[in-house]
C-alpha cells in the first residue's frame, strides 16, 4: 500500500558523518525521496553525502547558517511539499532511529487515521525500566507540561523526534514561527493543535547507545516552562475565544476569578485575625472557602472539556475538498 504513495524522508544533518551514510542505506523501497539537510555542519556531512552516496533518491540541501533541528526540518518539509510528497517522515541522521519503522509511522496517516504520527518510547514497560532515570524524569515532566500547552492529552514522549506528517497538514504550518532548537518537537504539537490536526503515538523501542542527553533539568524548569506557559495561553485564546465559544470559555475565567478572589479574601482576613490575636470567624472562613471550592470545580470542568476536545477528525480529510484540481 505504501509503495503507491510518495513518501519523503527528511534527515537533519549536523555532526552525523559517522552514521549518515548508514541511515540512508537503511531506507527501504517504500521511500520515494530522501532530503539530507546539512544545517551548516562543521564536518561537511552534506558534502560527504553528495560525493559518496549513489542513491538516486537523495537530494542534499545546505544551509548557509545553522538554524537548528527545527529549521532543518522546515527546510526539508518545504522541499518535500514542492516535489509532491504525500507523507513526510523525519529521521535523525545519528543512527538512533530505525528506518525500518517508517511503514509503521506512515500507516496511520495513509489510512486516514491521523495527520501526524510520532514515536512513543514509553509504550513498553520493559523499555521504560531500561531508560536512564534522569531521562525518564525529564520526559515525564515535559509530557505533563506538553499536555497542558498542546492540548493533546492522549500523547506521551513529546521530545521524540521520529515523526511523520501528511503534506496537507504540513503546508498549513507557520514555518517561520515554529521553534528552531530543543523546543521544536513540542512546539510542533502546539502548532498542530491550533490547526485541529489529529496526532497519533507510534510505539517504538528506546535506543541510546553511548548517546549523551542534551536534556537539562534547568532548561526544563526555566526556558521550557516559560514557553509552555506562553503556548498554553495562546492555545486557550485561539481555541476558546478567537475561533469558538462554548461553556468552557466561561468556566475557566469565572473559575479563576472565584478561586483567586476567595484565596485573597481568606488570606487577608487570616492575617488580620492573626495580628489581632483572635480566631477568624466561621462566617469569614466560609466566605473564603465557598468561592474557592466553586472556582476549583469550574476549572476542573474546563479541564474535563479540554481533555474531551482532542482533535478526532484528520485535517487532511477536511482540507482536501478545498484544493482545486490540477489543470490538464
C-alpha atoms as a PDB file:
ATOM      1  CA  UNK A   1       0.000   0.000   0.000  1.00  0.00           C
ATOM      2  CA  UNK A   2       2.795   2.434   0.915  1.00  0.00           C
ATOM      3  CA  UNK A   3       4.587   1.938  -2.411  1.00  0.00           C
ATOM      4  CA  UNK A   4       1.639   3.597  -4.183  1.00  0.00           C
ATOM      5  CA  UNK A   5       2.217   6.819  -2.282  1.00  0.00           C
ATOM      6  CA  UNK A   6       5.012   9.392  -2.426  1.00  0.00           C
ATOM      7  CA  UNK A   7       6.885   9.183   0.884  1.00  0.00           C
ATOM      8  CA  UNK A   8       9.678  11.661   1.550  1.00  0.00           C
ATOM      9  CA  UNK A   9      12.213  11.359   4.369  1.00  0.00           C
ATOM     10  CA  UNK A  10      13.877  14.428   5.882  1.00  0.00           C
ATOM     11  CA  UNK A  11      17.232  13.874   7.611  1.00  0.00           C
ATOM     12  CA  UNK A  12      18.543  16.921   9.553  1.00  0.00           C
ATOM     13  CA  UNK A  13      22.310  16.645   9.288  1.00  0.00           C
ATOM     14  CA  UNK A  14      24.655  18.122  11.890  1.00  0.00           C
ATOM     15  CA  UNK A  15      27.757  16.274  13.113  1.00  0.00           C
ATOM     16  CA  UNK A  16      26.444  12.921  11.896  1.00  0.00           C
ATOM     17  CA  UNK A  17      29.141  11.980   9.375  1.00  0.00           C
ATOM     18  CA  UNK A  18      29.786   8.688  11.212  1.00  0.00           C
ATOM     19  CA  UNK A  19      26.208   7.485  10.734  1.00  0.00           C
ATOM     20  CA  UNK A  20      24.509   9.396   7.898  1.00  0.00           C
ATOM     21  CA  UNK A  21      25.528   7.037   5.079  1.00  0.00           C
ATOM     22  CA  UNK A  22      24.333   4.014   7.040  1.00  0.00           C
ATOM     23  CA  UNK A  23      20.996   5.694   7.747  1.00  0.00           C
ATOM     24  CA  UNK A  24      20.494   6.422   4.049  1.00  0.00           C
ATOM     25  CA  UNK A  25      21.475   2.864   3.101  1.00  0.00           C
ATOM     26  CA  UNK A  26      18.824   1.531   5.503  1.00  0.00           C
ATOM     27  CA  UNK A  27      15.963   3.292   3.727  1.00  0.00           C
ATOM     28  CA  UNK A  28      13.542   0.764   2.228  1.00  0.00           C
ATOM     29  CA  UNK A  29      11.811   0.804  -1.162  1.00  0.00           C
ATOM     30  CA  UNK A  30       8.744   2.476   0.375  1.00  0.00           C
ATOM     31  CA  UNK A  31      10.729   5.752   0.476  1.00  0.00           C
ATOM     32  CA  UNK A  32      10.375   7.876  -2.663  1.00  0.00           C
ATOM     33  CA  UNK A  33      12.734  10.738  -1.848  1.00  0.00           C
ATOM     34  CA  UNK A  34      15.401  11.435   0.783  1.00  0.00           C
ATOM     35  CA  UNK A  35      16.203  15.021   1.780  1.00  0.00           C
ATOM     36  CA  UNK A  36      19.511  15.441   3.596  1.00  0.00           C
ATOM     37  CA  UNK A  37      19.541  18.933   5.107  1.00  0.00           C
ATOM     38  CA  UNK A  38      23.084  19.990   6.011  1.00  0.00           C
ATOM     39  CA  UNK A  39      22.497  22.518   8.787  1.00  0.00           C
ATOM     40  CA  UNK A  40      25.870  24.258   8.344  1.00  0.00           C
ATOM     41  CA  UNK A  41      27.529  21.088   9.611  1.00  0.00           C
ATOM     42  CA  UNK A  42      31.179  21.752  10.576  1.00  0.00           C
ATOM     43  CA  UNK A  43      32.053  18.202   9.482  1.00  0.00           C
ATOM     44  CA  UNK A  44      30.647  18.709   5.994  1.00  0.00           C
ATOM     45  CA  UNK A  45      28.051  15.944   6.169  1.00  0.00           C
ATOM     46  CA  UNK A  46      26.217  17.312   3.134  1.00  0.00           C
ATOM     47  CA  UNK A  47      29.376  17.280   1.027  1.00  0.00           C
ATOM     48  CA  UNK A  48      30.102  13.749   2.227  1.00  0.00           C
ATOM     49  CA  UNK A  49      26.700  12.503   1.117  1.00  0.00           C
ATOM     50  CA  UNK A  50      26.925  14.325  -2.209  1.00  0.00           C
ATOM     51  CA  UNK A  51      30.338  12.865  -3.032  1.00  0.00           C
ATOM     52  CA  UNK A  52      29.812   9.345  -1.672  1.00  0.00           C
ATOM     53  CA  UNK A  53      26.143   8.367  -1.850  1.00  0.00           C
ATOM     54  CA  UNK A  54      24.887   6.996  -5.172  1.00  0.00           C
ATOM     55  CA  UNK A  55      21.240   6.555  -4.182  1.00  0.00           C
ATOM     56  CA  UNK A  56      19.238   8.482  -6.831  1.00  0.00           C
ATOM     57  CA  UNK A  57      16.535   9.266  -4.284  1.00  0.00           C
ATOM     58  CA  UNK A  58      18.868  11.526  -2.279  1.00  0.00           C
ATOM     59  CA  UNK A  59      18.780  15.310  -2.525  1.00  0.00           C
ATOM     60  CA  UNK A  60      21.234  17.349  -0.450  1.00  0.00           C
ATOM     61  CA  UNK A  61      20.171  20.800   0.781  1.00  0.00           C
ATOM     62  CA  UNK A  62      22.711  23.017   2.540  1.00  0.00           C
ATOM     63  CA  UNK A  63      22.057  25.883   4.947  1.00  0.00           C
ATOM     64  CA  UNK A  64      24.347  28.893   4.813  1.00  0.00           C
ATOM     65  CA  UNK A  65      23.669  29.498   8.536  1.00  0.00           C
ATOM     66  CA  UNK A  66      22.935  26.973  11.264  1.00  0.00           C
ATOM     67  CA  UNK A  67      19.192  27.035  12.027  1.00  0.00           C
ATOM     68  CA  UNK A  68      18.825  24.172  14.500  1.00  0.00           C
ATOM     69  CA  UNK A  69      16.944  20.931  14.015  1.00  0.00           C
ATOM     70  CA  UNK A  70      13.623  22.772  13.630  1.00  0.00           C
ATOM     71  CA  UNK A  71      14.948  24.964  10.850  1.00  0.00           C
ATOM     72  CA  UNK A  72      16.440  21.949   9.050  1.00  0.00           C
ATOM     73  CA  UNK A  73      13.159  20.036   9.259  1.00  0.00           C
ATOM     74  CA  UNK A  74      11.151  23.001   7.977  1.00  0.00           C
ATOM     75  CA  UNK A  75      13.509  23.280   5.001  1.00  0.00           C
ATOM     76  CA  UNK A  76      13.010  19.584   4.315  1.00  0.00           C
ATOM     77  CA  UNK A  77       9.228  19.914   4.631  1.00  0.00           C
ATOM     78  CA  UNK A  78       9.115  22.745   2.105  1.00  0.00           C
ATOM     79  CA  UNK A  79      11.274  20.805  -0.365  1.00  0.00           C
ATOM     80  CA  UNK A  80       9.099  17.693   0.011  1.00  0.00           C
ATOM     81  CA  UNK A  81       5.896  19.673  -0.481  1.00  0.00           C
ATOM     82  CA  UNK A  82       7.325  21.318  -3.609  1.00  0.00           C
ATOM     83  CA  UNK A  83       8.156  17.906  -5.060  1.00  0.00           C
ATOM     84  CA  UNK A  84       4.697  16.493  -4.367  1.00  0.00           C
ATOM     85  CA  UNK A  85       5.386  14.145  -1.468  1.00  0.00           C
ATOM     86  CA  UNK A  86       2.218  12.904   0.219  1.00  0.00           C
ATOM     87  CA  UNK A  87       3.751  11.924   3.547  1.00  0.00           C
ATOM     88  CA  UNK A  88       6.945  13.390   5.049  1.00  0.00           C
ATOM     89  CA  UNK A  89       8.933  11.439   7.638  1.00  0.00           C
ATOM     90  CA  UNK A  90      11.628  12.969   9.819  1.00  0.00           C
ATOM     91  CA  UNK A  91      14.513  10.670  10.798  1.00  0.00           C
ATOM     92  CA  UNK A  92      17.649  11.776  12.647  1.00  0.00           C
ATOM     93  CA  UNK A  93      20.991  11.146  10.991  1.00  0.00           C
ATOM     94  CA  UNK A  94      22.724   9.770  14.104  1.00  0.00           C
ATOM     95  CA  UNK A  95      21.521   6.186  13.638  1.00  0.00           C
ATOM     96  CA  UNK A  96      19.317   6.213  16.760  1.00  0.00           C
ATOM     97  CA  UNK A  97      16.092   5.835  14.737  1.00  0.00           C
ATOM     98  CA  UNK A  98      15.439   2.621  12.831  1.00  0.00           C
ATOM     99  CA  UNK A  99      14.330   3.398   9.226  1.00  0.00           C
ATOM    100  CA  UNK A 100      12.573   0.021   9.150  1.00  0.00           C
ATOM    101  CA  UNK A 101       9.858   1.584  11.300  1.00  0.00           C
ATOM    102  CA  UNK A 102       8.898   4.070   8.571  1.00  0.00           C
ATOM    103  CA  UNK A 103       5.936   1.929   7.368  1.00  0.00           C
ATOM    104  CA  UNK A 104       4.538   1.961  10.916  1.00  0.00           C
ATOM    105  CA  UNK A 105       4.725   5.765  11.074  1.00  0.00           C
ATOM    106  CA  UNK A 106       3.235   6.246   7.621  1.00  0.00           C
ATOM    107  CA  UNK A 107       0.389   3.737   8.028  1.00  0.00           C
ATOM    108  CA  UNK A 108      -1.950   5.749  10.330  1.00  0.00           C
ATOM    109  CA  UNK A 109      -1.598   8.753   8.011  1.00  0.00           C
ATOM    110  CA  UNK A 110      -2.290   6.873   4.787  1.00  0.00           C
ATOM    111  CA  UNK A 111      -5.163   5.024   6.468  1.00  0.00           C
ATOM    112  CA  UNK A 112      -6.804   8.365   7.221  1.00  0.00           C
ATOM    113  CA  UNK A 113      -6.465   7.972  10.993  1.00  0.00           C
ATOM    114  CA  UNK A 114      -4.057  10.828  11.677  1.00  0.00           C
ATOM    115  CA  UNK A 115      -2.299  13.867  10.211  1.00  0.00           C
ATOM    116  CA  UNK A 116       0.863  13.463  12.288  1.00  0.00           C
ATOM    117  CA  UNK A 117       2.470  10.411  13.849  1.00  0.00           C
ATOM    118  CA  UNK A 118       5.217  10.486  16.478  1.00  0.00           C
ATOM    119  CA  UNK A 119       7.208   7.852  18.301  1.00  0.00           C
ATOM    120  CA  UNK A 120       6.459   6.815  21.868  1.00  0.00           C
ATOM    121  CA  UNK A 121       9.241   5.037  23.768  1.00  0.00           C
ATOM    122  CA  UNK A 122       7.068   4.669  26.881  1.00  0.00           C
ATOM    123  CA  UNK A 123       4.622   2.112  25.459  1.00  0.00           C
ATOM    124  CA  UNK A 124       6.582  -0.966  26.563  1.00  0.00           C
ATOM    125  CA  UNK A 125       7.045  -1.164  30.341  1.00  0.00           C
ATOM    126  CA  UNK A 126      10.233  -3.193  29.912  1.00  0.00           C
ATOM    127  CA  UNK A 127      11.697  -0.424  27.773  1.00  0.00           C
ATOM    128  CA  UNK A 128      10.760   2.184  30.373  1.00  0.00           C
ATOM    129  CA  UNK A 129      12.715   0.277  33.018  1.00  0.00           C
ATOM    130  CA  UNK A 130      15.814   0.381  30.828  1.00  0.00           C
ATOM    131  CA  UNK A 131      15.716   4.169  30.409  1.00  0.00           C
ATOM    132  CA  UNK A 132      18.258   6.368  32.229  1.00  0.00           C
ATOM    133  CA  UNK A 133      16.457   7.731  35.352  1.00  0.00           C
ATOM    134  CA  UNK A 134      17.178  11.386  34.545  1.00  0.00           C
ATOM    135  CA  UNK A 135      15.850  10.992  31.008  1.00  0.00           C
ATOM    136  CA  UNK A 136      12.759   9.227  32.341  1.00  0.00           C
ATOM    137  CA  UNK A 137      12.083  12.011  34.849  1.00  0.00           C
ATOM    138  CA  UNK A 138      12.695  14.751  32.284  1.00  0.00           C
ATOM    139  CA  UNK A 139      10.334  13.178  29.759  1.00  0.00           C
ATOM    140  CA  UNK A 140       7.640  12.670  32.398  1.00  0.00           C
ATOM    141  CA  UNK A 141       7.777  16.351  33.399  1.00  0.00           C
ATOM    142  CA  UNK A 142       7.866  17.518  29.783  1.00  0.00           C
ATOM    143  CA  UNK A 143       4.960  15.245  28.857  1.00  0.00           C
ATOM    144  CA  UNK A 144       2.768  16.752  31.557  1.00  0.00           C
ATOM    145  CA  UNK A 145       3.636  20.304  30.511  1.00  0.00           C
ATOM    146  CA  UNK A 146       3.098  19.408  26.855  1.00  0.00           C
ATOM    147  CA  UNK A 147      -0.369  18.001  27.526  1.00  0.00           C
ATOM    148  CA  UNK A 148      -1.352  21.347  29.031  1.00  0.00           C
ATOM    149  CA  UNK A 149       0.230  23.555  26.374  1.00  0.00           C
ATOM    150  CA  UNK A 150      -0.575  21.492  23.276  1.00  0.00           C
ATOM    151  CA  UNK A 151      -3.994  20.087  24.211  1.00  0.00           C
ATOM    152  CA  UNK A 152      -3.039  16.539  23.163  1.00  0.00           C
ATOM    153  CA  UNK A 153      -3.859  14.807  26.439  1.00  0.00           C
ATOM    154  CA  UNK A 154      -3.598  11.309  24.947  1.00  0.00           C
ATOM    155  CA  UNK A 155       0.080  11.625  23.894  1.00  0.00           C
ATOM    156  CA  UNK A 156       3.337  10.947  25.688  1.00  0.00           C
ATOM    157  CA  UNK A 157       7.072  11.289  24.999  1.00  0.00           C
ATOM    158  CA  UNK A 158       6.828  14.803  23.465  1.00  0.00           C
ATOM    159  CA  UNK A 159      10.571  15.139  22.750  1.00  0.00           C
ATOM    160  CA  UNK A 160      10.587  12.104  20.461  1.00  0.00           C
ATOM    161  CA  UNK A 161      11.884  13.283  17.096  1.00  0.00           C
ATOM    162  CA  UNK A 162      10.806  10.299  14.997  1.00  0.00           C
ATOM    163  CA  UNK A 163       7.753  11.725  13.227  1.00  0.00           C
ATOM    164  CA  UNK A 164       5.653  11.610  10.062  1.00  0.00           C
ATOM    165  CA  UNK A 165       3.215  14.203   8.726  1.00  0.00           C
ATOM    166  CA  UNK A 166       0.726  14.421   5.869  1.00  0.00           C
ATOM    167  CA  UNK A 167       1.756  17.067   3.346  1.00  0.00           C
ATOM    168  CA  UNK A 168      -1.709  18.663   3.507  1.00  0.00           C
ATOM    169  CA  UNK A 169      -1.157  19.285   7.225  1.00  0.00           C
ATOM    170  CA  UNK A 170       2.469  20.369   6.805  1.00  0.00           C
ATOM    171  CA  UNK A 171       1.632  23.054   4.249  1.00  0.00           C
ATOM    172  CA  UNK A 172      -0.608  24.805   6.804  1.00  0.00           C
ATOM    173  CA  UNK A 173       2.160  25.101   9.397  1.00  0.00           C
ATOM    174  CA  UNK A 174       3.619  28.571  10.118  1.00  0.00           C
ATOM    175  CA  UNK A 175       7.166  27.566   9.143  1.00  0.00           C
ATOM    176  CA  UNK A 176       8.772  30.830  10.279  1.00  0.00           C
ATOM    177  CA  UNK A 177       7.165  30.765  13.746  1.00  0.00           C
ATOM    178  CA  UNK A 178       7.983  27.213  14.854  1.00  0.00           C
ATOM    179  CA  UNK A 179      10.753  26.938  17.435  1.00  0.00           C
ATOM    180  CA  UNK A 180      14.064  26.053  15.811  1.00  0.00           C
ATOM    181  CA  UNK A 181      16.005  24.187  18.505  1.00  0.00           C
ATOM    182  CA  UNK A 182      15.328  21.987  21.558  1.00  0.00           C
ATOM    183  CA  UNK A 183      11.689  23.067  21.836  1.00  0.00           C
ATOM    184  CA  UNK A 184      10.947  22.147  18.212  1.00  0.00           C
ATOM    185  CA  UNK A 185       9.087  18.831  18.695  1.00  0.00           C
ATOM    186  CA  UNK A 186       6.923  20.255  21.478  1.00  0.00           C
ATOM    187  CA  UNK A 187       6.149  23.462  19.598  1.00  0.00           C
ATOM    188  CA  UNK A 188       5.093  21.368  16.607  1.00  0.00           C
ATOM    189  CA  UNK A 189       2.365  19.768  18.719  1.00  0.00           C
ATOM    190  CA  UNK A 190       1.088  23.185  19.808  1.00  0.00           C
ATOM    191  CA  UNK A 191       1.003  24.394  16.194  1.00  0.00           C
ATOM    192  CA  UNK A 192      -0.769  21.221  15.066  1.00  0.00           C
ATOM    193  CA  UNK A 193      -3.440  21.641  17.746  1.00  0.00           C
ATOM    194  CA  UNK A 194      -4.188  25.175  16.565  1.00  0.00           C
ATOM    195  CA  UNK A 195      -4.852  23.565  13.163  1.00  0.00           C
ATOM    196  CA  UNK A 196      -7.027  20.896  14.819  1.00  0.00           C
ATOM    197  CA  UNK A 197      -4.811  18.161  13.365  1.00  0.00           C
ATOM    198  CA  UNK A 198      -5.067  14.576  14.624  1.00  0.00           C
ATOM    199  CA  UNK A 199      -1.867  13.213  16.188  1.00  0.00           C
ATOM    200  CA  UNK A 200      -1.135   9.538  16.884  1.00  0.00           C
ATOM    201  CA  UNK A 201       1.529   7.862  19.005  1.00  0.00           C
ATOM    202  CA  UNK A 202       3.506   5.034  17.408  1.00  0.00           C
ATOM    203  CA  UNK A 203       5.093   2.543  19.857  1.00  0.00           C
ATOM    204  CA  UNK A 204       8.824   2.124  19.366  1.00  0.00           C
ATOM    205  CA  UNK A 205      11.821   0.822  21.279  1.00  0.00           C
ATOM    206  CA  UNK A 206      14.196   3.204  23.013  1.00  0.00           C
ATOM    207  CA  UNK A 207      17.752   3.197  21.691  1.00  0.00           C
ATOM    208  CA  UNK A 208      20.514   5.296  23.229  1.00  0.00           C
ATOM    209  CA  UNK A 209      23.867   3.505  22.956  1.00  0.00           C
ATOM    210  CA  UNK A 210      26.585   5.937  24.014  1.00  0.00           C
ATOM    211  CA  UNK A 211      24.411   8.985  23.312  1.00  0.00           C
ATOM    212  CA  UNK A 212      24.701  11.816  25.839  1.00  0.00           C
ATOM    213  CA  UNK A 213      21.404  13.532  26.534  1.00  0.00           C
ATOM    214  CA  UNK A 214      21.174  17.289  25.919  1.00  0.00           C
ATOM    215  CA  UNK A 215      18.038  17.438  28.054  1.00  0.00           C
ATOM    216  CA  UNK A 216      18.927  19.556  31.087  1.00  0.00           C
ATOM    217  CA  UNK A 217      16.656  19.840  34.106  1.00  0.00           C
ATOM    218  CA  UNK A 218      17.498  23.569  34.343  1.00  0.00           C
ATOM    219  CA  UNK A 219      16.288  24.024  30.756  1.00  0.00           C
ATOM    220  CA  UNK A 220      13.024  22.232  31.573  1.00  0.00           C
ATOM    221  CA  UNK A 221      12.362  24.392  34.627  1.00  0.00           C
ATOM    222  CA  UNK A 222      13.267  27.732  33.021  1.00  0.00           C
ATOM    223  CA  UNK A 223      13.162  28.019  29.235  1.00  0.00           C
ATOM    224  CA  UNK A 224      10.748  25.151  28.559  1.00  0.00           C
ATOM    225  CA  UNK A 225       8.361  26.155  31.361  1.00  0.00           C
ATOM    226  CA  UNK A 226       8.082  29.716  30.079  1.00  0.00           C
ATOM    227  CA  UNK A 227       7.466  28.534  26.516  1.00  0.00           C
ATOM    228  CA  UNK A 228       4.828  26.061  27.681  1.00  0.00           C
ATOM    229  CA  UNK A 229       3.013  28.804  29.614  1.00  0.00           C
ATOM    230  CA  UNK A 230       3.125  31.022  26.514  1.00  0.00           C
ATOM    231  CA  UNK A 231       1.768  28.261  24.260  1.00  0.00           C
ATOM    232  CA  UNK A 232      -0.942  27.348  26.774  1.00  0.00           C
ATOM    233  CA  UNK A 233      -2.179  30.929  26.830  1.00  0.00           C
ATOM    234  CA  UNK A 234      -2.155  31.153  23.043  1.00  0.00           C
ATOM    235  CA  UNK A 235      -3.959  27.829  22.620  1.00  0.00           C
ATOM    236  CA  UNK A 236      -6.700  28.757  25.074  1.00  0.00           C
ATOM    237  CA  UNK A 237      -7.225  32.128  23.360  1.00  0.00           C
ATOM    238  CA  UNK A 238      -7.243  30.639  19.848  1.00  0.00           C
ATOM    239  CA  UNK A 239      -9.467  27.628  20.583  1.00  0.00           C
ATOM    240  CA  UNK A 240     -11.875  29.011  23.187  1.00  0.00           C
ATOM    241  CA  UNK A 241     -12.268  32.689  22.314  1.00  0.00           C
ATOM    242  CA  UNK A 242     -10.982  33.565  18.845  1.00  0.00           C
ATOM    243  CA  UNK A 243     -12.326  30.641  16.769  1.00  0.00           C
ATOM    244  CA  UNK A 244     -15.019  29.245  19.018  1.00  0.00           C
ATOM    245  CA  UNK A 245     -17.052  29.993  22.130  1.00  0.00           C
ATOM    246  CA  UNK A 246     -18.550  27.404  24.461  1.00  0.00           C
ATOM    247  CA  UNK A 247     -19.489  26.879  28.097  1.00  0.00           C
ATOM    248  CA  UNK A 248     -15.825  26.112  28.781  1.00  0.00           C
ATOM    249  CA  UNK A 249     -14.973  29.651  27.625  1.00  0.00           C
ATOM    250  CA  UNK A 250     -16.915  30.928  30.651  1.00  0.00           C
ATOM    251  CA  UNK A 251     -15.865  28.220  33.119  1.00  0.00           C
ATOM    252  CA  UNK A 252     -12.143  28.988  33.012  1.00  0.00           C
ATOM    253  CA  UNK A 253     -12.131  32.766  33.666  1.00  0.00           C
ATOM    254  CA  UNK A 254     -15.022  32.543  36.139  1.00  0.00           C
ATOM    255  CA  UNK A 255     -13.308  29.690  37.975  1.00  0.00           C
ATOM    256  CA  UNK A 256     -10.025  31.587  38.158  1.00  0.00           C
ATOM    257  CA  UNK A 257     -11.711  34.755  39.429  1.00  0.00           C
ATOM    258  CA  UNK A 258     -13.627  32.885  42.130  1.00  0.00           C
ATOM    259  CA  UNK A 259     -10.648  30.792  43.240  1.00  0.00           C
ATOM    260  CA  UNK A 260      -8.201  33.698  43.351  1.00  0.00           C
ATOM    261  CA  UNK A 261     -10.755  36.038  44.899  1.00  0.00           C
ATOM    262  CA  UNK A 262     -11.620  33.548  47.633  1.00  0.00           C
ATOM    263  CA  UNK A 263      -7.931  32.862  48.298  1.00  0.00           C
ATOM    264  CA  UNK A 264      -7.053  36.550  48.600  1.00  0.00           C
ATOM    265  CA  UNK A 265     -10.054  37.257  50.809  1.00  0.00           C
ATOM    266  CA  UNK A 266      -9.179  34.323  53.080  1.00  0.00           C
ATOM    267  CA  UNK A 267      -5.501  35.243  53.388  1.00  0.00           C
ATOM    268  CA  UNK A 268      -6.226  38.909  54.118  1.00  0.00           C
ATOM    269  CA  UNK A 269      -8.731  38.074  56.859  1.00  0.00           C
ATOM    270  CA  UNK A 270      -6.481  35.382  58.316  1.00  0.00           C
ATOM    271  CA  UNK A 271      -3.625  37.901  58.577  1.00  0.00           C
ATOM    272  CA  UNK A 272      -5.918  40.465  60.182  1.00  0.00           C
ATOM    273  CA  UNK A 273      -7.096  37.897  62.731  1.00  0.00           C
ATOM    274  CA  UNK A 274      -3.522  36.819  63.452  1.00  0.00           C
ATOM    275  CA  UNK A 275      -2.428  40.383  64.120  1.00  0.00           C
ATOM    276  CA  UNK A 276      -5.413  40.953  66.382  1.00  0.00           C
ATOM    277  CA  UNK A 277      -4.787  37.677  68.213  1.00  0.00           C
ATOM    278  CA  UNK A 278      -8.331  36.394  67.640  1.00  0.00           C
ATOM    279  CA  UNK A 279      -9.803  33.441  65.785  1.00  0.00           C
ATOM    280  CA  UNK A 280     -11.148  34.014  62.290  1.00  0.00           C
ATOM    281  CA  UNK A 281     -14.979  33.911  62.415  1.00  0.00           C
ATOM    282  CA  UNK A 282     -16.597  30.832  60.880  1.00  0.00           C
ATOM    283  CA  UNK A 283     -18.618  33.003  58.523  1.00  0.00           C
ATOM    284  CA  UNK A 284     -15.459  34.621  57.159  1.00  0.00           C
ATOM    285  CA  UNK A 285     -13.895  31.200  56.620  1.00  0.00           C
ATOM    286  CA  UNK A 286     -16.956  30.067  54.671  1.00  0.00           C
ATOM    287  CA  UNK A 287     -16.953  33.249  52.579  1.00  0.00           C
ATOM    288  CA  UNK A 288     -13.405  32.402  51.539  1.00  0.00           C
ATOM    289  CA  UNK A 289     -13.836  28.619  51.167  1.00  0.00           C
ATOM    290  CA  UNK A 290     -17.043  28.579  49.116  1.00  0.00           C
ATOM    291  CA  UNK A 291     -15.799  30.633  46.130  1.00  0.00           C
ATOM    292  CA  UNK A 292     -12.519  28.715  46.224  1.00  0.00           C
ATOM    293  CA  UNK A 293     -14.333  25.365  46.026  1.00  0.00           C
ATOM    294  CA  UNK A 294     -16.731  26.603  43.334  1.00  0.00           C
ATOM    295  CA  UNK A 295     -13.830  28.074  41.362  1.00  0.00           C
ATOM    296  CA  UNK A 296     -11.914  24.795  41.607  1.00  0.00           C
ATOM    297  CA  UNK A 297     -14.949  22.879  40.334  1.00  0.00           C
ATOM    298  CA  UNK A 298     -15.318  25.236  37.391  1.00  0.00           C
ATOM    299  CA  UNK A 299     -11.641  24.880  36.485  1.00  0.00           C
ATOM    300  CA  UNK A 300     -11.915  21.080  36.701  1.00  0.00           C
ATOM    301  CA  UNK A 301     -14.971  21.236  34.446  1.00  0.00           C
ATOM    302  CA  UNK A 302     -12.961  23.258  31.935  1.00  0.00           C
ATOM    303  CA  UNK A 303     -10.122  20.728  32.149  1.00  0.00           C
ATOM    304  CA  UNK A 304     -12.535  17.848  31.511  1.00  0.00           C
ATOM    305  CA  UNK A 305     -13.886  19.676  28.451  1.00  0.00           C
ATOM    306  CA  UNK A 306     -10.360  20.358  27.207  1.00  0.00           C
ATOM    307  CA  UNK A 307      -9.394  16.690  27.540  1.00  0.00           C
ATOM    308  CA  UNK A 308     -12.537  15.662  25.636  1.00  0.00           C
ATOM    309  CA  UNK A 309     -11.738  18.182  22.866  1.00  0.00           C
ATOM    310  CA  UNK A 310      -8.643  16.433  21.497  1.00  0.00           C
ATOM    311  CA  UNK A 311      -8.994  16.567  17.662  1.00  0.00           C
ATOM    312  CA  UNK A 312     -10.548  13.412  16.217  1.00  0.00           C
ATOM    313  CA  UNK A 313     -11.077  14.139  12.503  1.00  0.00           C
ATOM    314  CA  UNK A 314      -7.857  14.343  10.424  1.00  0.00           C
ATOM    315  CA  UNK A 315      -7.100  17.761   8.973  1.00  0.00           C
ATOM    316  CA  UNK A 316      -6.086  16.409   5.568  1.00  0.00           C
ATOM    317  CA  UNK A 317      -9.574  14.939   5.167  1.00  0.00           C
ATOM    318  CA  UNK A 318     -11.145  18.309   5.940  1.00  0.00           C
ATOM    319  CA  UNK A 319      -8.884  20.349   3.669  1.00  0.00           C
ATOM    320  CA  UNK A 320      -8.679  18.024   0.688  1.00  0.00           C
ATOM    321  CA  UNK A 321     -12.069  19.047  -0.784  1.00  0.00           C
ATOM    322  CA  UNK A 322     -10.924  22.696  -0.760  1.00  0.00           C
ATOM    323  CA  UNK A 323      -7.957  22.031  -3.008  1.00  0.00           C
ATOM    324  CA  UNK A 324      -8.535  22.921  -6.642  1.00  0.00           C
ATOM    325  CA  UNK A 325      -7.968  20.150  -9.201  1.00  0.00           C
ATOM    326  CA  UNK A 326      -4.758  20.424 -11.203  1.00  0.00           C
ATOM    327  CA  UNK A 327      -5.114  21.763 -14.733  1.00  0.00           C
ATOM    328  CA  UNK A 328      -4.568  19.269 -17.552  1.00  0.00           C
END
